[in-house]
Amino acid sequence: MSQIDFAVINAGLNAETVVPQWLPDGKRQGREWVARNPNRADKTPGSFSVNLATCKWADFAAGVTGGDLVSLFAYLYHNDDQGAAARALQDTHSIRIDAAARQQVAEASDVRKIDDAKPVPIFPVPVGAPAPDYNHFKFGEPTCVYTYRNAAGRTLLHVVRFDPEGMRKQVVPLS
């Protein structure tokens, strides 16, 4: 087996897909997946949650936290052995670790800024980025979503249209 590369393995996982599989009794609340902690006598959900956007997780009642999906999987299924968890995830999800995969992860994590105060959007959307939430806090559910892609088919951005009742159409970019 190849060397473990936690960044590539984490980038190869989709929190929206794997977290509900690992914690099937939970439910989505905003950007969080809230569930019972299967590693302790947790009778009701509430103190154990996973942020589906950042992949950070915590059991606030037990004071246990982690910063990515490999650490969550290790906590749930591998007695906190992150190496064993990473190898299992790499195998079960057929994640290749090679120079190209490492380069993609490096490019995706490269935060490009004009200056310290204004971040610049990264195009195309990084590999492993969570699926966007198109709902708007004020306009509700969109009536249409237009996805713009580059020549290679990678998503660059979305333009989301809303037709709120009693208002003119609203068109909002999402990157």
Protein backbone atom coordinates (compact mmCIF):
# COMPACT_ATOMS: atom_id res chain seq x y z
CA MET A 1 0.00 0.00 0.00
CA SER A 2 1.19 3.52 -0.72
CA GLN A 3 2.16 6.05 1.89
CA ILE A 4 -0.74 7.57 3.85
CA ASP A 5 -1.61 11.09 2.73
CA PHE A 6 -4.36 12.38 5.01
CA ALA A 7 -5.01 15.50 2.91
CA VAL A 8 -5.62 13.46 -0.26
CA ILE A 9 -7.82 10.96 1.59
CA ASN A 10 -9.88 13.73 3.19
CA ALA A 11 -10.22 15.47 -0.18
CA GLY A 12 -11.45 12.21 -1.71
CA LEU A 13 -14.39 12.00 0.70
CA ASN A 14 -17.71 13.84 0.54
CA ALA A 15 -19.06 14.68 3.99
CA GLU A 16 -22.61 14.99 2.63
CA THR A 17 -22.44 11.31 1.64
CA VAL A 18 -20.26 9.56 4.21
CA VAL A 19 -21.37 11.23 7.46
CA PRO A 20 -25.02 10.10 7.13
CA GLN A 21 -23.72 6.57 6.37
CA TRP A 22 -21.49 6.57 9.45
CA LEU A 23 -24.13 8.16 11.71
CA PRO A 24 -27.44 6.95 10.20
CA ASP A 25 -29.62 7.91 13.15
CA GLY A 26 -28.70 11.59 12.81
CA LYS A 27 -30.29 14.43 10.90
CA ARG A 28 -29.19 17.56 9.12
CA GLN A 29 -29.62 20.86 10.94
CA GLY A 30 -28.33 23.66 8.73
CA ARG A 31 -24.73 22.79 7.87
CA GLU A 32 -24.45 20.33 10.77
CA TRP A 33 -25.19 16.61 11.02
CA VAL A 34 -26.47 16.03 14.56
CA ALA A 35 -26.54 12.47 15.89
CA ARG A 36 -26.17 10.33 18.97
CA ASN A 37 -22.59 9.45 19.79
CA PRO A 38 -22.35 5.68 19.24
CA ASN A 39 -19.21 5.49 21.41
CA ARG A 40 -21.01 6.38 24.64
CA ALA A 41 -24.42 5.94 26.23
CA ASP A 42 -25.93 8.85 24.35
CA LYS A 43 -29.72 8.47 24.38
CA THR A 44 -30.65 11.54 22.37
CA PRO A 45 -28.91 13.56 19.65
CA GLY A 46 -27.74 17.06 20.36
CA SER A 47 -24.24 17.16 21.78
CA PHE A 48 -22.52 15.23 18.94
CA SER A 49 -22.32 16.99 15.59
CA VAL A 50 -20.31 17.21 12.38
CA ASN A 51 -20.03 20.37 10.30
CA LEU A 52 -20.68 19.14 6.75
CA ALA A 53 -18.87 22.13 5.21
CA THR A 54 -15.66 22.14 7.28
CA CYS A 55 -15.74 18.48 8.43
CA LYS A 56 -14.92 19.56 11.98
CA TRP A 57 -16.76 17.49 14.56
CA ALA A 58 -17.28 17.46 18.30
CA ASP A 59 -18.99 15.69 21.13
CA PHE A 60 -19.49 18.63 23.44
CA ALA A 61 -20.71 16.45 26.30
CA ALA A 62 -17.56 14.31 26.25
CA GLY A 63 -15.11 17.06 25.23
CA VAL A 64 -13.92 15.12 22.17
CA THR A 65 -13.22 16.96 18.90
CA GLY A 66 -11.65 16.43 15.50
CA GLY A 67 -10.86 18.43 12.42
CA ASP A 68 -11.54 16.14 9.47
CA LEU A 69 -13.32 13.04 8.20
CA VAL A 70 -10.38 10.68 8.79
CA SER A 71 -10.29 11.63 12.49
CA LEU A 72 -14.08 11.15 12.72
CA PHE A 73 -13.87 7.72 11.12
CA ALA A 74 -10.97 6.81 13.42
CA TYR A 75 -12.99 7.91 16.45
CA LEU A 76 -16.10 6.00 15.37
CA TYR A 77 -14.61 2.75 14.05
CA HIS A 78 -10.87 2.42 14.70
CA ASN A 79 -10.32 3.23 18.39
CA ASP A 80 -8.75 6.58 17.43
CA ASP A 81 -6.11 4.92 15.19
CA GLN A 82 -6.02 7.47 12.37
CA GLY A 83 -3.54 5.45 10.32
CA ALA A 84 -5.83 2.42 10.29
CA ALA A 85 -8.83 4.64 9.56
CA ALA A 86 -7.04 6.36 6.68
CA ARG A 87 -6.00 3.05 5.12
CA ALA A 88 -9.55 1.67 5.45
CA LEU A 89 -11.06 4.79 3.87
CA GLN A 90 -8.49 4.77 1.07
CA ASP A 91 -9.36 1.15 0.28
CA THR A 92 -13.14 1.35 0.59
CA HIS A 93 -13.40 4.59 -1.39
CA SER A 94 -10.71 3.68 -3.96
CA ILE A 95 -8.75 6.86 -3.30
CA ARG A 96 -5.56 7.03 -5.35
CA ILE A 97 -2.57 8.71 -3.80
CA ASP A 98 -0.22 9.85 -6.52
CA ALA A 99 1.50 13.03 -7.66
CA ALA A 100 -1.58 14.24 -9.56
CA ALA A 101 -3.86 13.79 -6.54
CA ARG A 102 -1.37 15.59 -4.29
CA GLN A 103 -1.12 18.44 -6.80
CA GLN A 104 -4.93 18.80 -6.95
CA VAL A 105 -5.14 18.96 -3.16
CA ALA A 106 -2.30 21.50 -3.02
CA GLU A 107 -4.01 23.69 -5.61
CA ALA A 108 -7.38 23.39 -3.88
CA SER A 109 -5.96 24.43 -0.51
CA ASP A 110 -4.00 27.34 -1.94
CA VAL A 111 -5.70 30.42 -0.51
CA ARG A 112 -5.10 33.23 -2.95
CA LYS A 113 -5.60 36.74 -1.64
CA ILE A 114 -5.35 40.19 -3.17
CA ASP A 115 -4.50 41.57 0.25
CA ASP A 116 -4.95 40.41 3.83
CA ALA A 117 -8.52 41.72 4.04
CA LYS A 118 -10.09 40.51 0.79
CA PRO A 119 -10.02 36.84 -0.19
CA VAL A 120 -10.28 36.02 -3.89
CA PRO A 121 -12.65 33.27 -5.07
CA ILE A 122 -10.85 30.12 -6.20
CA PHE A 123 -11.76 28.88 -9.66
CA PRO A 124 -12.53 26.11 -10.45
CA VAL A 125 -14.30 24.84 -7.33
CA PRO A 126 -11.77 22.73 -5.35
CA VAL A 127 -11.97 18.94 -5.51
CA GLY A 128 -13.78 17.66 -2.43
CA ALA A 129 -15.64 20.91 -1.76
CA PRO A 130 -19.08 20.25 -0.26
CA ALA A 131 -22.15 20.63 -2.44
CA PRO A 132 -23.52 24.17 -2.25
CA ASP A 133 -26.67 25.06 -0.35
CA TYR A 134 -28.66 27.07 -2.89
CA ASN A 135 -31.31 28.24 -0.41
CA HIS A 136 -31.10 31.92 0.46
CA PHE A 137 -31.76 33.26 3.95
CA LYS A 138 -34.11 35.95 2.57
CA PHE A 139 -35.36 34.67 -0.80
CA GLY A 140 -35.87 30.99 0.10
CA GLU A 141 -35.56 28.21 -2.46
CA PRO A 142 -34.25 29.03 -5.93
CA THR A 143 -36.39 28.72 -9.03
CA CYS A 144 -33.36 28.05 -11.22
CA VAL A 145 -29.64 27.35 -10.88
CA TYR A 146 -27.21 27.96 -13.74
CA THR A 147 -23.85 26.22 -13.40
CA TYR A 148 -20.88 27.61 -15.31
CA ARG A 149 -18.04 25.21 -16.15
CA ASN A 150 -14.60 25.50 -17.72
CA ALA A 151 -13.50 23.64 -20.87
CA ALA A 152 -12.51 20.62 -18.77
CA GLY A 153 -16.00 20.42 -17.25
CA ARG A 154 -15.00 21.63 -13.76
CA THR A 155 -17.50 23.86 -11.99
CA LEU A 156 -16.48 27.52 -11.86
CA LEU A 157 -19.53 29.07 -10.19
CA HIS A 158 -23.31 29.04 -10.00
CA VAL A 159 -25.81 31.79 -10.70
CA VAL A 160 -28.98 31.29 -8.69
CA ARG A 161 -32.35 32.83 -9.56
CA PHE A 162 -35.07 33.47 -7.00
CA ASP A 163 -38.62 34.62 -7.65
CA PRO A 164 -39.77 35.69 -4.17
CA GLU A 165 -43.44 36.46 -3.73
CA GLY A 166 -44.20 40.17 -3.93
CA MET A 167 -40.69 41.03 -5.18
CA ARG A 168 -38.87 41.24 -8.48
CA LYS A 169 -36.65 38.35 -9.51
CA GLN A 170 -33.35 38.15 -7.69
CA VAL A 171 -30.21 36.76 -9.37
CA VAL A 172 -27.31 35.93 -7.06
CA PRO A 173 -23.84 34.58 -7.91
CA LEU A 174 -22.56 31.68 -5.79
CA SER A 175 -18.89 30.76 -5.83
